[in-house]
Amino acid sequence: MRIRLLSIYLFDYREDFYMDSLKKLFPVSFKRADSGKNLAIGIVIYLVIGILAGLAIGLAGLVTGWIPVVGALVGWVLRIAGIIIDLYVIAGIVLQVLLFAKIIKE
């Protein structure tokens, strides 16, 4: 009985809570989802975010890469940060397209 109550509590479906969270995480997608031109602008914005973050991560790796032990540890952290940023960019583009196609409603 406790497991069932816990699962109901943890997986309580509240659509407004999830949409508010998405609006906070991906503000560009929700502001630019009405026309094809805005779709292209939103996708370009996400790509620029990814490119600038990749350049910053590469520069940080270059600066710390020459230090033997610290460089290796920082390299792992930077790779993980790069993967998270890549996932954010992909999720933002997918959300932008889904909002444009009216599959997801604001």
PDB file of N, CA and C in Angstrom:
ATOM      1  N   MET A   1       0.817  -1.186   0.000  1.00  0.00           N
ATOM      2  CA  MET A   1       0.000   0.000   0.000  1.00  0.00           C
ATOM      3  C   MET A   1       0.870   1.263   0.000  1.00  0.00           C
ATOM      4  N   ARG A   2       1.981   1.238   0.764  1.00  0.00           N
ATOM      5  CA  ARG A   2       2.853   2.406   0.805  1.00  0.00           C
ATOM      6  C   ARG A   2       3.491   2.677  -0.544  1.00  0.00           C
ATOM      7  N   ILE A   3       3.856   1.623  -1.247  1.00  0.00           N
ATOM      8  CA  ILE A   3       4.485   1.797  -2.555  1.00  0.00           C
ATOM      9  C   ILE A   3       3.508   2.446  -3.520  1.00  0.00           C
ATOM     10  N   ARG A   4       2.266   2.035  -3.477  1.00  0.00           N
ATOM     11  CA  ARG A   4       1.260   2.601  -4.378  1.00  0.00           C
ATOM     12  C   ARG A   4       1.031   4.074  -4.066  1.00  0.00           C
ATOM     13  N   LEU A   5       0.945   4.428  -2.807  1.00  0.00           N
ATOM     14  CA  LEU A   5       0.758   5.832  -2.446  1.00  0.00           C
ATOM     15  C   LEU A   5       1.964   6.663  -2.860  1.00  0.00           C
ATOM     16  N   LEU A   6       3.141   6.109  -2.684  1.00  0.00           N
ATOM     17  CA  LEU A   6       4.350   6.812  -3.077  1.00  0.00           C
ATOM     18  C   LEU A   6       4.396   7.016  -4.591  1.00  0.00           C
ATOM     19  N   SER A   7       4.012   6.001  -5.348  1.00  0.00           N
ATOM     20  CA  SER A   7       4.037   6.141  -6.798  1.00  0.00           C
ATOM     21  C   SER A   7       2.992   7.137  -7.275  1.00  0.00           C
ATOM     22  N   ILE A   8       1.850   7.183  -6.638  1.00  0.00           N
ATOM     23  CA  ILE A   8       0.834   8.171  -7.011  1.00  0.00           C
ATOM     24  C   ILE A   8       1.342   9.567  -6.685  1.00  0.00           C
ATOM     25  N   TYR A   9       2.010   9.697  -5.551  1.00  0.00           N
ATOM     26  CA  TYR A   9       2.535  10.997  -5.157  1.00  0.00           C
ATOM     27  C   TYR A   9       3.663  11.452  -6.085  1.00  0.00           C
ATOM     28  N   LEU A  10       4.568  10.561  -6.428  1.00  0.00           N
ATOM     29  CA  LEU A  10       5.716  10.930  -7.256  1.00  0.00           C
ATOM     30  C   LEU A  10       5.333  11.202  -8.703  1.00  0.00           C
ATOM     31  N   PHE A  11       4.389  10.460  -9.220  1.00  0.00           N
ATOM     32  CA  PHE A  11       4.037  10.576 -10.631  1.00  0.00           C
ATOM     33  C   PHE A  11       2.701  11.255 -10.830  1.00  0.00           C
ATOM     34  N   ASP A  12       2.398  12.205  -9.977  1.00  0.00           N
ATOM     35  CA  ASP A  12       1.165  12.966 -10.109  1.00  0.00           C
ATOM     36  C   ASP A  12       1.254  13.808 -11.376  1.00  0.00           C
ATOM     37  N   TYR A  13       0.294  13.644 -12.254  1.00  0.00           N
ATOM     38  CA  TYR A  13       0.326  14.325 -13.543  1.00  0.00           C
ATOM     39  C   TYR A  13      -0.408  15.652 -13.432  1.00  0.00           C
ATOM     40  N   ARG A  14       0.340  16.711 -13.530  1.00  0.00           N
ATOM     41  CA  ARG A  14      -0.245  18.052 -13.552  1.00  0.00           C
ATOM     42  C   ARG A  14       0.298  18.758 -14.782  1.00  0.00           C
ATOM     43  N   GLU A  15      -0.530  18.906 -15.759  1.00  0.00           N
ATOM     44  CA  GLU A  15      -0.082  19.432 -17.047  1.00  0.00           C
ATOM     45  C   GLU A  15       0.447  20.858 -16.928  1.00  0.00           C
ATOM     46  N   ASP A  16      -0.201  21.678 -16.120  1.00  0.00           N
ATOM     47  CA  ASP A  16       0.242  23.059 -15.993  1.00  0.00           C
ATOM     48  C   ASP A  16       1.628  23.163 -15.363  1.00  0.00           C
ATOM     49  N   PHE A  17       1.942  22.266 -14.440  1.00  0.00           N
ATOM     50  CA  PHE A  17       3.273  22.268 -13.823  1.00  0.00           C
ATOM     51  C   PHE A  17       4.345  21.954 -14.866  1.00  0.00           C
ATOM     52  N   TYR A  18       4.095  20.973 -15.713  1.00  0.00           N
ATOM     53  CA  TYR A  18       5.087  20.589 -16.719  1.00  0.00           C
ATOM     54  C   TYR A  18       5.238  21.666 -17.790  1.00  0.00           C
ATOM     55  N   MET A  19       4.150  22.280 -18.187  1.00  0.00           N
ATOM     56  CA  MET A  19       4.245  23.338 -19.197  1.00  0.00           C
ATOM     57  C   MET A  19       4.960  24.560 -18.634  1.00  0.00           C
ATOM     58  N   ASP A  20       4.721  24.885 -17.371  1.00  0.00           N
ATOM     59  CA  ASP A  20       5.443  25.999 -16.757  1.00  0.00           C
ATOM     60  C   ASP A  20       6.932  25.709 -16.693  1.00  0.00           C
ATOM     61  N   SER A  21       7.269  24.471 -16.386  1.00  0.00           N
ATOM     62  CA  SER A  21       8.687  24.092 -16.351  1.00  0.00           C
ATOM     63  C   SER A  21       9.313  24.201 -17.734  1.00  0.00           C
ATOM     64  N   LEU A  22       8.597  23.741 -18.757  1.00  0.00           N
ATOM     65  CA  LEU A  22       9.120  23.846 -20.122  1.00  0.00           C
ATOM     66  C   LEU A  22       9.260  25.302 -20.548  1.00  0.00           C
ATOM     67  N   LYS A  23       8.322  26.143 -20.158  1.00  0.00           N
ATOM     68  CA  LYS A  23       8.403  27.558 -20.522  1.00  0.00           C
ATOM     69  C   LYS A  23       9.593  28.229 -19.855  1.00  0.00           C
ATOM     70  N   LYS A  24       9.941  27.798 -18.648  1.00  0.00           N
ATOM     71  CA  LYS A  24      11.098  28.373 -17.973  1.00  0.00           C
ATOM     72  C   LYS A  24      12.407  27.865 -18.569  1.00  0.00           C
ATOM     73  N   LEU A  25      12.445  26.601 -18.971  1.00  0.00           N
ATOM     74  CA  LEU A  25      13.675  26.032 -19.517  1.00  0.00           C
ATOM     75  C   LEU A  25      13.922  26.433 -20.966  1.00  0.00           C
ATOM     76  N   PHE A  26      12.861  26.592 -21.745  1.00  0.00           N
ATOM     77  CA  PHE A  26      12.986  26.882 -23.176  1.00  0.00           C
ATOM     78  C   PHE A  26      12.162  28.119 -23.540  1.00  0.00           C
ATOM     79  N   PRO A  27      12.564  29.297 -23.073  1.00  0.00           N
ATOM     80  CA  PRO A  27      11.750  30.487 -23.362  1.00  0.00           C
ATOM     81  C   PRO A  27      11.722  30.874 -24.837  1.00  0.00           C
ATOM     82  N   VAL A  28      12.788  30.565 -25.564  1.00  0.00           N
ATOM     83  CA  VAL A  28      12.837  30.926 -26.985  1.00  0.00           C
ATOM     84  C   VAL A  28      11.777  30.163 -27.768  1.00  0.00           C
ATOM     85  N   SER A  29      11.577  28.915 -27.448  1.00  0.00           N
ATOM     86  CA  SER A  29      10.615  28.100 -28.179  1.00  0.00           C
ATOM     87  C   SER A  29       9.190  28.614 -28.003  1.00  0.00           C
ATOM     88  N   PHE A  30       8.860  29.060 -26.814  1.00  0.00           N
ATOM     89  CA  PHE A  30       7.487  29.488 -26.572  1.00  0.00           C
ATOM     90  C   PHE A  30       7.223  30.904 -27.062  1.00  0.00           C
ATOM     91  N   LYS A  31       8.254  31.710 -27.200  1.00  0.00           N
ATOM     92  CA  LYS A  31       8.057  33.065 -27.712  1.00  0.00           C
ATOM     93  C   LYS A  31       8.009  33.087 -29.234  1.00  0.00           C
ATOM     94  N   ARG A  32       8.598  32.109 -29.883  1.00  0.00           N
ATOM     95  CA  ARG A  32       8.718  32.116 -31.333  1.00  0.00           C
ATOM     96  C   ARG A  32       8.156  30.818 -31.917  1.00  0.00           C
ATOM     97  N   ALA A  33       6.857  30.667 -31.860  1.00  0.00           N
ATOM     98  CA  ALA A  33       6.283  29.417 -32.347  1.00  0.00           C
ATOM     99  C   ALA A  33       5.084  29.632 -33.257  1.00  0.00           C
ATOM    100  N   ASP A  34       4.986  30.803 -33.882  1.00  0.00           N
ATOM    101  CA  ASP A  34       3.755  31.066 -34.631  1.00  0.00           C
ATOM    102  C   ASP A  34       3.908  31.062 -36.145  1.00  0.00           C
ATOM    103  N   SER A  35       5.081  31.344 -36.690  1.00  0.00           N
ATOM    104  CA  SER A  35       5.235  31.357 -38.149  1.00  0.00           C
ATOM    105  C   SER A  35       6.527  30.639 -38.542  1.00  0.00           C
ATOM    106  N   GLY A  36       6.642  30.375 -39.844  1.00  0.00           N
ATOM    107  CA  GLY A  36       7.831  29.692 -40.345  1.00  0.00           C
ATOM    108  C   GLY A  36       9.098  30.509 -40.166  1.00  0.00           C
ATOM    109  N   LYS A  37       8.974  31.826 -40.314  1.00  0.00           N
ATOM    110  CA  LYS A  37      10.127  32.701 -40.123  1.00  0.00           C
ATOM    111  C   LYS A  37      10.600  32.644 -38.670  1.00  0.00           C
ATOM    112  N   ASN A  38       9.660  32.688 -37.743  1.00  0.00           N
ATOM    113  CA  ASN A  38      10.031  32.598 -36.329  1.00  0.00           C
ATOM    114  C   ASN A  38      10.570  31.223 -35.971  1.00  0.00           C
ATOM    115  N   LEU A  39      10.094  30.197 -36.655  1.00  0.00           N
ATOM    116  CA  LEU A  39      10.637  28.850 -36.449  1.00  0.00           C
ATOM    117  C   LEU A  39      12.108  28.824 -36.836  1.00  0.00           C
ATOM    118  N   ALA A  40      12.434  29.386 -37.984  1.00  0.00           N
ATOM    119  CA  ALA A  40      13.831  29.421 -38.436  1.00  0.00           C
ATOM    120  C   ALA A  40      14.695  30.257 -37.498  1.00  0.00           C
ATOM    121  N   ILE A  41      14.169  31.378 -37.034  1.00  0.00           N
ATOM    122  CA  ILE A  41      14.920  32.231 -36.111  1.00  0.00           C
ATOM    123  C   ILE A  41      15.184  31.489 -34.803  1.00  0.00           C
ATOM    124  N   GLY A  42      14.180  30.785 -34.291  1.00  0.00           N
ATOM    125  CA  GLY A  42      14.350  30.030 -33.049  1.00  0.00           C
ATOM    126  C   GLY A  42      15.378  28.925 -33.190  1.00  0.00           C
ATOM    127  N   ILE A  43      15.344  28.227 -34.315  1.00  0.00           N
ATOM    128  CA  ILE A  43      16.330  27.163 -34.542  1.00  0.00           C
ATOM    129  C   ILE A  43      17.732  27.746 -34.632  1.00  0.00           C
ATOM    130  N   VAL A  44      17.876  28.877 -35.315  1.00  0.00           N
ATOM    131  CA  VAL A  44      19.187  29.529 -35.411  1.00  0.00           C
ATOM    132  C   VAL A  44      19.680  29.970 -34.030  1.00  0.00           C
ATOM    133  N   ILE A  45      18.779  30.473 -33.197  1.00  0.00           N
ATOM    134  CA  ILE A  45      19.168  30.886 -31.842  1.00  0.00           C
ATOM    135  C   ILE A  45      19.709  29.695 -31.055  1.00  0.00           C
ATOM    136  N   TYR A  46      19.009  28.553 -31.140  1.00  0.00           N
ATOM    137  CA  TYR A  46      19.494  27.367 -30.427  1.00  0.00           C
ATOM    138  C   TYR A  46      20.837  26.894 -30.988  1.00  0.00           C
ATOM    139  N   LEU A  47      21.015  26.967 -32.288  1.00  0.00           N
ATOM    140  CA  LEU A  47      22.296  26.561 -32.874  1.00  0.00           C
ATOM    141  C   LEU A  47      23.426  27.491 -32.447  1.00  0.00           C
ATOM    142  N   VAL A  48      23.144  28.787 -32.369  1.00  0.00           N
ATOM    143  CA  VAL A  48      24.159  29.742 -31.910  1.00  0.00           C
ATOM    144  C   VAL A  48      24.519  29.468 -30.453  1.00  0.00           C
ATOM    145  N   ILE A  49      23.513  29.145 -29.625  1.00  0.00           N
ATOM    146  CA  ILE A  49      23.790  28.788 -28.231  1.00  0.00           C
ATOM    147  C   ILE A  49      24.734  27.588 -28.184  1.00  0.00           C
ATOM    148  N   GLY A  50      24.461  26.586 -28.989  1.00  0.00           N
ATOM    149  CA  GLY A  50      25.308  25.399 -29.016  1.00  0.00           C
ATOM    150  C   GLY A  50      26.714  25.691 -29.492  1.00  0.00           C
ATOM    151  N   ILE A  51      26.841  26.529 -30.524  1.00  0.00           N
ATOM    152  CA  ILE A  51      28.162  26.860 -31.062  1.00  0.00           C
ATOM    153  C   ILE A  51      28.974  27.671 -30.058  1.00  0.00           C
ATOM    154  N   LEU A  52      28.350  28.688 -29.450  1.00  0.00           N
ATOM    155  CA  LEU A  52      29.081  29.507 -28.475  1.00  0.00           C
ATOM    156  C   LEU A  52      29.476  28.694 -27.239  1.00  0.00           C
ATOM    157  N   ALA A  53      28.590  27.829 -26.779  1.00  0.00           N
ATOM    158  CA  ALA A  53      28.926  26.981 -25.630  1.00  0.00           C
ATOM    159  C   ALA A  53      30.046  26.012 -25.996  1.00  0.00           C
ATOM    160  N   GLY A  54      30.009  25.480 -27.204  1.00  0.00           N
ATOM    161  CA  GLY A  54      31.078  24.586 -27.646  1.00  0.00           C
ATOM    162  C   GLY A  54      32.420  25.294 -27.721  1.00  0.00           C
ATOM    163  N   LEU A  55      32.407  26.533 -28.198  1.00  0.00           N
ATOM    164  CA  LEU A  55      33.650  27.304 -28.239  1.00  0.00           C
ATOM    165  C   LEU A  55      34.177  27.599 -26.837  1.00  0.00           C
ATOM    166  N   ALA A  56      33.280  27.943 -25.917  1.00  0.00           N
ATOM    167  CA  ALA A  56      33.697  28.215 -24.540  1.00  0.00           C
ATOM    168  C   ALA A  56      34.255  26.963 -23.877  1.00  0.00           C
ATOM    169  N   ILE A  57      33.620  25.831 -24.117  1.00  0.00           N
ATOM    170  CA  ILE A  57      34.105  24.574 -23.539  1.00  0.00           C
ATOM    171  C   ILE A  57      35.450  24.195 -24.150  1.00  0.00           C
ATOM    172  N   GLY A  58      35.591  24.387 -25.450  1.00  0.00           N
ATOM    173  CA  GLY A  58      36.873  24.105 -26.100  1.00  0.00           C
ATOM    174  C   GLY A  58      37.984  24.995 -25.586  1.00  0.00           C
ATOM    175  N   LEU A  59      37.688  26.267 -25.377  1.00  0.00           N
ATOM    176  CA  LEU A  59      38.680  27.195 -24.853  1.00  0.00           C
ATOM    177  C   LEU A  59      39.065  26.813 -23.420  1.00  0.00           C
ATOM    178  N   ALA A  60      38.090  26.449 -22.614  1.00  0.00           N
ATOM    179  CA  ALA A  60      38.391  26.022 -21.239  1.00  0.00           C
ATOM    180  C   ALA A  60      39.223  24.744 -21.242  1.00  0.00           C
ATOM    181  N   GLY A  61      38.928  23.835 -22.161  1.00  0.00           N
ATOM    182  CA  GLY A  61      39.730  22.620 -22.272  1.00  0.00           C
ATOM    183  C   GLY A  61      41.144  22.908 -22.728  1.00  0.00           C
ATOM    184  N   LEU A  62      41.293  23.888 -23.610  1.00  0.00           N
ATOM    185  CA  LEU A  62      42.622  24.265 -24.089  1.00  0.00           C
ATOM    186  C   LEU A  62      43.450  24.888 -22.971  1.00  0.00           C
ATOM    187  N   VAL A  63      42.814  25.718 -22.168  1.00  0.00           N
ATOM    188  CA  VAL A  63      43.526  26.396 -21.079  1.00  0.00           C
ATOM    189  C   VAL A  63      43.943  25.407 -20.000  1.00  0.00           C
ATOM    190  N   THR A  64      43.059  24.472 -19.658  1.00  0.00           N
ATOM    191  CA  THR A  64      43.368  23.542 -18.559  1.00  0.00           C
ATOM    192  C   THR A  64      43.954  22.217 -19.036  1.00  0.00           C
ATOM    193  N   GLY A  65      44.033  22.000 -20.323  1.00  0.00           N
ATOM    194  CA  GLY A  65      44.487  20.718 -20.836  1.00  0.00           C
ATOM    195  C   GLY A  65      45.949  20.411 -20.621  1.00  0.00           C
ATOM    196  N   TRP A  66      46.766  21.410 -20.453  1.00  0.00           N
ATOM    197  CA  TRP A  66      48.192  21.162 -20.305  1.00  0.00           C
ATOM    198  C   TRP A  66      48.581  20.761 -18.885  1.00  0.00           C
ATOM    199  N   ILE A  67      47.684  20.902 -17.919  1.00  0.00           N
ATOM    200  CA  ILE A  67      47.956  20.495 -16.539  1.00  0.00           C
ATOM    201  C   ILE A  67      47.671  18.995 -16.433  1.00  0.00           C
ATOM    202  N   PRO A  68      48.624  18.173 -16.021  1.00  0.00           N
ATOM    203  CA  PRO A  68      48.468  16.711 -16.117  1.00  0.00           C
ATOM    204  C   PRO A  68      47.224  16.123 -15.464  1.00  0.00           C
ATOM    205  N   VAL A  69      47.072  16.254 -14.174  1.00  0.00           N
ATOM    206  CA  VAL A  69      45.952  15.594 -13.498  1.00  0.00           C
ATOM    207  C   VAL A  69      44.693  16.441 -13.569  1.00  0.00           C
ATOM    208  N   VAL A  70      44.837  17.718 -13.308  1.00  0.00           N
ATOM    209  CA  VAL A  70      43.684  18.615 -13.320  1.00  0.00           C
ATOM    210  C   VAL A  70      43.084  18.695 -14.713  1.00  0.00           C
ATOM    211  N   GLY A  71      43.913  18.714 -15.719  1.00  0.00           N
ATOM    212  CA  GLY A  71      43.428  18.793 -17.090  1.00  0.00           C
ATOM    213  C   GLY A  71      42.560  17.609 -17.459  1.00  0.00           C
ATOM    214  N   ALA A  72      42.942  16.430 -16.998  1.00  0.00           N
ATOM    215  CA  ALA A  72      42.142  15.236 -17.294  1.00  0.00           C
ATOM    216  C   ALA A  72      40.795  15.286 -16.588  1.00  0.00           C
ATOM    217  N   LEU A  73      40.817  15.692 -15.326  1.00  0.00           N
ATOM    218  CA  LEU A  73      39.558  15.775 -14.577  1.00  0.00           C
ATOM    219  C   LEU A  73      38.642  16.855 -15.137  1.00  0.00           C
ATOM    220  N   VAL A  74      39.215  18.007 -15.435  1.00  0.00           N
ATOM    221  CA  VAL A  74      38.420  19.091 -16.016  1.00  0.00           C
ATOM    222  C   VAL A  74      37.916  18.694 -17.397  1.00  0.00           C
ATOM    223  N   GLY A  75      38.720  17.933 -18.113  1.00  0.00           N
ATOM    224  CA  GLY A  75      38.284  17.453 -19.426  1.00  0.00           C
ATOM    225  C   GLY A  75      37.026  16.603 -19.343  1.00  0.00           C
ATOM    226  N   TRP A  76      36.964  15.727 -18.354  1.00  0.00           N
ATOM    227  CA  TRP A  76      35.756  14.907 -18.170  1.00  0.00           C
ATOM    228  C   TRP A  76      34.549  15.774 -17.825  1.00  0.00           C
ATOM    229  N   VAL A  77      34.754  16.734 -16.943  1.00  0.00           N
ATOM    230  CA  VAL A  77      33.652  17.624 -16.556  1.00  0.00           C
ATOM    231  C   VAL A  77      33.186  18.440 -17.765  1.00  0.00           C
ATOM    232  N   LEU A  78      34.119  18.909 -18.566  1.00  0.00           N
ATOM    233  CA  LEU A  78      33.759  19.698 -19.747  1.00  0.00           C
ATOM    234  C   LEU A  78      33.031  18.834 -20.784  1.00  0.00           C
ATOM    235  N   ARG A  79      33.426  17.586 -20.916  1.00  0.00           N
ATOM    236  CA  ARG A  79      32.705  16.693 -21.836  1.00  0.00           C
ATOM    237  C   ARG A  79      31.268  16.482 -21.382  1.00  0.00           C
ATOM    238  N   ILE A  80      31.080  16.283 -20.093  1.00  0.00           N
ATOM    239  CA  ILE A  80      29.725  16.105 -19.570  1.00  0.00           C
ATOM    240  C   ILE A  80      28.910  17.380 -19.761  1.00  0.00           C
ATOM    241  N   ALA A  81      29.522  18.528 -19.500  1.00  0.00           N
ATOM    242  CA  ALA A  81      28.826  19.800 -19.714  1.00  0.00           C
ATOM    243  C   ALA A  81      28.470  19.975 -21.193  1.00  0.00           C
ATOM    244  N   GLY A  82      29.367  19.588 -22.077  1.00  0.00           N
ATOM    245  CA  GLY A  82      29.082  19.674 -23.514  1.00  0.00           C
ATOM    246  C   GLY A  82      27.933  18.777 -23.931  1.00  0.00           C
ATOM    247  N   ILE A  83      27.871  17.596 -23.363  1.00  0.00           N
ATOM    248  CA  ILE A  83      26.770  16.679 -23.681  1.00  0.00           C
ATOM    249  C   ILE A  83      25.448  17.248 -23.187  1.00  0.00           C
ATOM    250  N   ILE A  84      25.453  17.823 -21.988  1.00  0.00           N
ATOM    251  CA  ILE A  84      24.218  18.414 -21.455  1.00  0.00           C
ATOM    252  C   ILE A  84      23.762  19.585 -22.315  1.00  0.00           C
ATOM    253  N   ILE A  85      24.694  20.412 -22.748  1.00  0.00           N
ATOM    254  CA  ILE A  85      24.339  21.553 -23.605  1.00  0.00           C
ATOM    255  C   ILE A  85      23.829  21.068 -24.964  1.00  0.00           C
ATOM    256  N   ASP A  86      24.454  20.033 -25.512  1.00  0.00           N
ATOM    257  CA  ASP A  86      23.973  19.474 -26.780  1.00  0.00           C
ATOM    258  C   ASP A  86      22.554  18.939 -26.645  1.00  0.00           C
ATOM    259  N   LEU A  87      22.276  18.257 -25.542  1.00  0.00           N
ATOM    260  CA  LEU A  87      20.915  17.754 -25.309  1.00  0.00           C
ATOM    261  C   LEU A  87      19.917  18.894 -25.162  1.00  0.00           C
ATOM    262  N   TYR A  88      20.324  19.979 -24.511  1.00  0.00           N
ATOM    263  CA  TYR A  88      19.462  21.152 -24.373  1.00  0.00           C
ATOM    264  C   TYR A  88      19.134  21.756 -25.735  1.00  0.00           C
ATOM    265  N   VAL A  89      20.147  21.876 -26.575  1.00  0.00           N
ATOM    266  CA  VAL A  89      19.938  22.454 -27.907  1.00  0.00           C
ATOM    267  C   VAL A  89      19.009  21.564 -28.735  1.00  0.00           C
ATOM    268  N   ILE A  90      19.245  20.261 -28.704  1.00  0.00           N
ATOM    269  CA  ILE A  90      18.388  19.341 -29.468  1.00  0.00           C
ATOM    270  C   ILE A  90      16.959  19.376 -28.947  1.00  0.00           C
ATOM    271  N   ALA A  91      16.805  19.369 -27.619  1.00  0.00           N
ATOM    272  CA  ALA A  91      15.461  19.415 -27.041  1.00  0.00           C
ATOM    273  C   ALA A  91      14.767  20.724 -27.380  1.00  0.00           C
ATOM    274  N   GLY A  92      15.495  21.830 -27.373  1.00  0.00           N
ATOM    275  CA  GLY A  92      14.909  23.121 -27.730  1.00  0.00           C
ATOM    276  C   GLY A  92      14.444  23.161 -29.174  1.00  0.00           C
ATOM    277  N   ILE A  93      15.225  22.608 -30.074  1.00  0.00           N
ATOM    278  CA  ILE A  93      14.834  22.582 -31.490  1.00  0.00           C
ATOM    279  C   ILE A  93      13.621  21.683 -31.698  1.00  0.00           C
ATOM    280  N   VAL A  94      13.630  20.516 -31.051  1.00  0.00           N
ATOM    281  CA  VAL A  94      12.481  19.605 -31.180  1.00  0.00           C
ATOM    282  C   VAL A  94      11.227  20.256 -30.615  1.00  0.00           C
ATOM    283  N   LEU A  95      11.340  20.909 -29.459  1.00  0.00           N
ATOM    284  CA  LEU A  95      10.187  21.593 -28.874  1.00  0.00           C
ATOM    285  C   LEU A  95       9.698  22.716 -29.770  1.00  0.00           C
ATOM    286  N   GLN A  96      10.620  23.438 -30.371  1.00  0.00           N
ATOM    287  CA  GLN A  96      10.252  24.518 -31.300  1.00  0.00           C
ATOM    288  C   GLN A  96       9.437  23.967 -32.470  1.00  0.00           C
ATOM    289  N   VAL A  97       9.873  22.871 -33.040  1.00  0.00           N
ATOM    290  CA  VAL A  97       9.167  22.277 -34.173  1.00  0.00           C
ATOM    291  C   VAL A  97       7.800  21.737 -33.739  1.00  0.00           C
ATOM    292  N   LEU A  98       7.737  21.097 -32.583  1.00  0.00           N
ATOM    293  CA  LEU A  98       6.462  20.565 -32.098  1.00  0.00           C
ATOM    294  C   LEU A  98       5.464  21.671 -31.792  1.00  0.00           C
ATOM    295  N   LEU A  99       5.931  22.779 -31.268  1.00  0.00           N
ATOM    296  CA  LEU A  99       5.035  23.914 -31.031  1.00  0.00           C
ATOM    297  C   LEU A  99       4.580  24.536 -32.347  1.00  0.00           C
ATOM    298  N   PHE A 100       5.478  24.611 -33.311  1.00  0.00           N
ATOM    299  CA  PHE A 100       5.108  25.167 -34.612  1.00  0.00           C
ATOM    300  C   PHE A 100       4.076  24.307 -35.313  1.00  0.00           C
ATOM    301  N   ALA A 101       4.215  22.984 -35.204  1.00  0.00           N
ATOM    302  CA  ALA A 101       3.293  22.061 -35.847  1.00  0.00           C
ATOM    303  C   ALA A 101       2.005  21.880 -35.048  1.00  0.00           C
ATOM    304  N   LYS A 102       1.889  22.587 -33.924  1.00  0.00           N
ATOM    305  CA  LYS A 102       0.704  22.546 -33.053  1.00  0.00           C
ATOM    306  C   LYS A 102       0.467  21.159 -32.468  1.00  0.00           C
ATOM    307  N   ILE A 103       1.523  20.376 -32.317  1.00  0.00           N
ATOM    308  CA  ILE A 103       1.415  19.061 -31.658  1.00  0.00           C
ATOM    309  C   ILE A 103       1.365  19.279 -30.151  1.00  0.00           C
ATOM    310  N   ILE A 104       2.130  20.252 -29.675  1.00  0.00           N
ATOM    311  CA  ILE A 104       2.085  20.657 -28.276  1.00  0.00           C
ATOM    312  C   ILE A 104       1.405  22.015 -28.222  1.00  0.00           C
ATOM    313  N   LYS A 105       0.457  22.150 -27.323  1.00  0.00           N
ATOM    314  CA  LYS A 105      -0.248  23.426 -27.179  1.00  0.00           C
ATOM    315  C   LYS A 105       0.348  24.195 -26.017  1.00  0.00           C
ATOM    316  N   GLU A 106       0.427  25.508 -26.205  1.00  0.00           N
ATOM    317  CA  GLU A 106       0.982  26.372 -25.149  1.00  0.00           C
ATOM    318  C   GLU A 106       0.059  26.378 -24.020  1.00  0.00           C
TER     319      GLU A 106
END
